[in-house]
């Protein structure tokens, strides 16, 4: 369980959630999922006055789901065309029977 109002790094978050640390687009997908599940902010570095890459979570919005090929979007994102897919599957199933 991620503790609220405590500073966390990406590595710490992965360890808490039981996720493998990734790189590239997989890491981006993990961070996007975490950021959508919590309200958060990046603390300010006192030396540079710029935001750090760490997170401080203030409120949980929903449960976190580990990104995978089946729920990552992209080529597998059929939300907008699912009704057409269903129609075509029914049409071809009926013609074959």
C-alpha atoms as a PDB file:
ATOM      1  CA  UNK A   1       0.000   0.000   0.000  1.00  0.00           C
ATOM      2  CA  UNK A   2       1.402   3.372  -1.019  1.00  0.00           C
ATOM      3  CA  UNK A   3       1.536   5.731   1.943  1.00  0.00           C
ATOM      4  CA  UNK A   4       0.000   9.145   1.473  1.00  0.00           C
ATOM      5  CA  UNK A   5       1.961  12.353   2.154  1.00  0.00           C
ATOM      6  CA  UNK A   6       5.298  10.499   1.978  1.00  0.00           C
ATOM      7  CA  UNK A   7       7.931  10.917  -0.740  1.00  0.00           C
ATOM      8  CA  UNK A   8       8.330   7.908  -3.066  1.00  0.00           C
ATOM      9  CA  UNK A   9      10.690   7.154  -5.951  1.00  0.00           C
ATOM     10  CA  UNK A  10       9.703   5.092  -8.984  1.00  0.00           C
ATOM     11  CA  UNK A  11      11.760   2.156  -7.650  1.00  0.00           C
ATOM     12  CA  UNK A  12      10.031   2.324  -4.256  1.00  0.00           C
ATOM     13  CA  UNK A  13       6.589   2.470  -5.850  1.00  0.00           C
ATOM     14  CA  UNK A  14       7.341  -0.614  -7.979  1.00  0.00           C
ATOM     15  CA  UNK A  15       8.571  -2.493  -4.926  1.00  0.00           C
ATOM     16  CA  UNK A  16       5.445  -1.586  -2.918  1.00  0.00           C
ATOM     17  CA  UNK A  17       3.130  -2.627  -5.776  1.00  0.00           C
ATOM     18  CA  UNK A  18       5.121  -5.788  -6.564  1.00  0.00           C
ATOM     19  CA  UNK A  19       5.862  -4.632 -10.106  1.00  0.00           C
ATOM     20  CA  UNK A  20       9.036  -5.215 -12.086  1.00  0.00           C
ATOM     21  CA  UNK A  21      10.869  -1.972 -12.878  1.00  0.00           C
ATOM     22  CA  UNK A  22      10.669  -1.266 -16.593  1.00  0.00           C
ATOM     23  CA  UNK A  23      12.237   1.119 -19.074  1.00  0.00           C
ATOM     24  CA  UNK A  24      11.017   3.073 -22.077  1.00  0.00           C
ATOM     25  CA  UNK A  25       7.340   2.907 -22.998  1.00  0.00           C
ATOM     26  CA  UNK A  26       6.599   0.243 -20.385  1.00  0.00           C
ATOM     27  CA  UNK A  27       7.874   2.546 -17.652  1.00  0.00           C
ATOM     28  CA  UNK A  28       5.810   5.401 -19.088  1.00  0.00           C
ATOM     29  CA  UNK A  29       2.708   3.183 -19.012  1.00  0.00           C
ATOM     30  CA  UNK A  30       3.370   2.257 -15.379  1.00  0.00           C
ATOM     31  CA  UNK A  31       3.832   5.910 -14.384  1.00  0.00           C
ATOM     32  CA  UNK A  32       0.700   6.933 -16.285  1.00  0.00           C
ATOM     33  CA  UNK A  33      -1.313   4.272 -14.443  1.00  0.00           C
ATOM     34  CA  UNK A  34       0.050   5.352 -11.054  1.00  0.00           C
ATOM     35  CA  UNK A  35      -0.559   9.032 -11.818  1.00  0.00           C
ATOM     36  CA  UNK A  36      -4.153   8.346 -12.860  1.00  0.00           C
ATOM     37  CA  UNK A  37      -4.873   6.354  -9.688  1.00  0.00           C
ATOM     38  CA  UNK A  38      -3.646   8.998  -7.222  1.00  0.00           C
ATOM     39  CA  UNK A  39      -3.634  12.732  -6.724  1.00  0.00           C
ATOM     40  CA  UNK A  40       0.018  13.702  -6.347  1.00  0.00           C
ATOM     41  CA  UNK A  41       2.630  16.377  -6.694  1.00  0.00           C
ATOM     42  CA  UNK A  42       6.368  16.447  -7.275  1.00  0.00           C
ATOM     43  CA  UNK A  43       8.278  18.016  -4.364  1.00  0.00           C
ATOM     44  CA  UNK A  44      10.559  20.951  -5.148  1.00  0.00           C
ATOM     45  CA  UNK A  45      14.333  20.501  -5.023  1.00  0.00           C
ATOM     46  CA  UNK A  46      15.608  23.141  -2.592  1.00  0.00           C
ATOM     47  CA  UNK A  47      18.895  23.664  -4.465  1.00  0.00           C
ATOM     48  CA  UNK A  48      17.533  24.045  -7.996  1.00  0.00           C
ATOM     49  CA  UNK A  49      13.948  25.108  -7.217  1.00  0.00           C
ATOM     50  CA  UNK A  50      12.753  22.601  -9.838  1.00  0.00           C
ATOM     51  CA  UNK A  51      10.371  19.660  -9.297  1.00  0.00           C
ATOM     52  CA  UNK A  52      12.002  16.354  -8.354  1.00  0.00           C
ATOM     53  CA  UNK A  53      11.167  13.107 -10.139  1.00  0.00           C
ATOM     54  CA  UNK A  54       9.781  11.689  -6.893  1.00  0.00           C
ATOM     55  CA  UNK A  55       6.101  11.642  -5.974  1.00  0.00           C
ATOM     56  CA  UNK A  56       4.114  12.672  -2.925  1.00  0.00           C
ATOM     57  CA  UNK A  57       0.635  11.178  -3.100  1.00  0.00           C
ATOM     58  CA  UNK A  58      -2.160  13.118  -1.413  1.00  0.00           C
ATOM     59  CA  UNK A  59      -5.276  11.057  -2.207  1.00  0.00           C
ATOM     60  CA  UNK A  60      -6.129   7.670  -3.693  1.00  0.00           C
ATOM     61  CA  UNK A  61      -8.668   7.885  -6.523  1.00  0.00           C
ATOM     62  CA  UNK A  62      -8.900   4.194  -7.450  1.00  0.00           C
ATOM     63  CA  UNK A  63      -6.959   0.931  -7.268  1.00  0.00           C
ATOM     64  CA  UNK A  64      -3.839   0.614  -9.413  1.00  0.00           C
ATOM     65  CA  UNK A  65      -3.849  -1.990 -12.207  1.00  0.00           C
ATOM     66  CA  UNK A  66      -0.502  -3.083 -13.623  1.00  0.00           C
ATOM     67  CA  UNK A  67      -0.299  -2.162 -17.319  1.00  0.00           C
ATOM     68  CA  UNK A  68      -0.080  -5.118 -19.691  1.00  0.00           C
ATOM     69  CA  UNK A  69      -0.471  -5.822 -23.383  1.00  0.00           C
ATOM     70  CA  UNK A  70      -4.197  -6.453 -22.892  1.00  0.00           C
ATOM     71  CA  UNK A  71      -4.946  -3.113 -21.214  1.00  0.00           C
ATOM     72  CA  UNK A  72      -2.263  -0.756 -22.524  1.00  0.00           C
ATOM     73  CA  UNK A  73      -4.252   0.826 -25.338  1.00  0.00           C
ATOM     74  CA  UNK A  74      -2.586   1.398 -28.688  1.00  0.00           C
ATOM     75  CA  UNK A  75      -3.321  -1.334 -31.220  1.00  0.00           C
ATOM     76  CA  UNK A  76      -5.319  -3.191 -28.579  1.00  0.00           C
ATOM     77  CA  UNK A  77      -7.571  -0.208 -27.844  1.00  0.00           C
ATOM     78  CA  UNK A  78     -10.897  -1.224 -29.348  1.00  0.00           C
ATOM     79  CA  UNK A  79     -13.152   1.009 -27.232  1.00  0.00           C
ATOM     80  CA  UNK A  80     -14.140   3.240 -30.137  1.00  0.00           C
ATOM     81  CA  UNK A  81     -14.716   0.450 -32.644  1.00  0.00           C
ATOM     82  CA  UNK A  82     -16.024  -2.348 -30.399  1.00  0.00           C
ATOM     83  CA  UNK A  83     -19.631  -1.991 -31.633  1.00  0.00           C
ATOM     84  CA  UNK A  84     -18.486  -2.431 -35.262  1.00  0.00           C
ATOM     85  CA  UNK A  85     -16.357  -5.438 -34.282  1.00  0.00           C
ATOM     86  CA  UNK A  86     -19.349  -7.037 -32.556  1.00  0.00           C
ATOM     87  CA  UNK A  87     -21.564  -6.365 -35.571  1.00  0.00           C
ATOM     88  CA  UNK A  88     -19.074  -7.873 -38.019  1.00  0.00           C
ATOM     89  CA  UNK A  89     -18.501 -10.925 -35.842  1.00  0.00           C
ATOM     90  CA  UNK A  90     -22.242 -11.545 -35.619  1.00  0.00           C
ATOM     91  CA  UNK A  91     -22.650 -11.003 -39.363  1.00  0.00           C
ATOM     92  CA  UNK A  92     -19.923 -13.490 -40.283  1.00  0.00           C
ATOM     93  CA  UNK A  93     -21.009 -16.015 -37.653  1.00  0.00           C
ATOM     94  CA  UNK A  94     -24.575 -15.948 -38.979  1.00  0.00           C
ATOM     95  CA  UNK A  95     -23.451 -16.350 -42.585  1.00  0.00           C
ATOM     96  CA  UNK A  96     -21.271 -19.359 -41.723  1.00  0.00           C
ATOM     97  CA  UNK A  97     -24.038 -21.243 -39.881  1.00  0.00           C
END
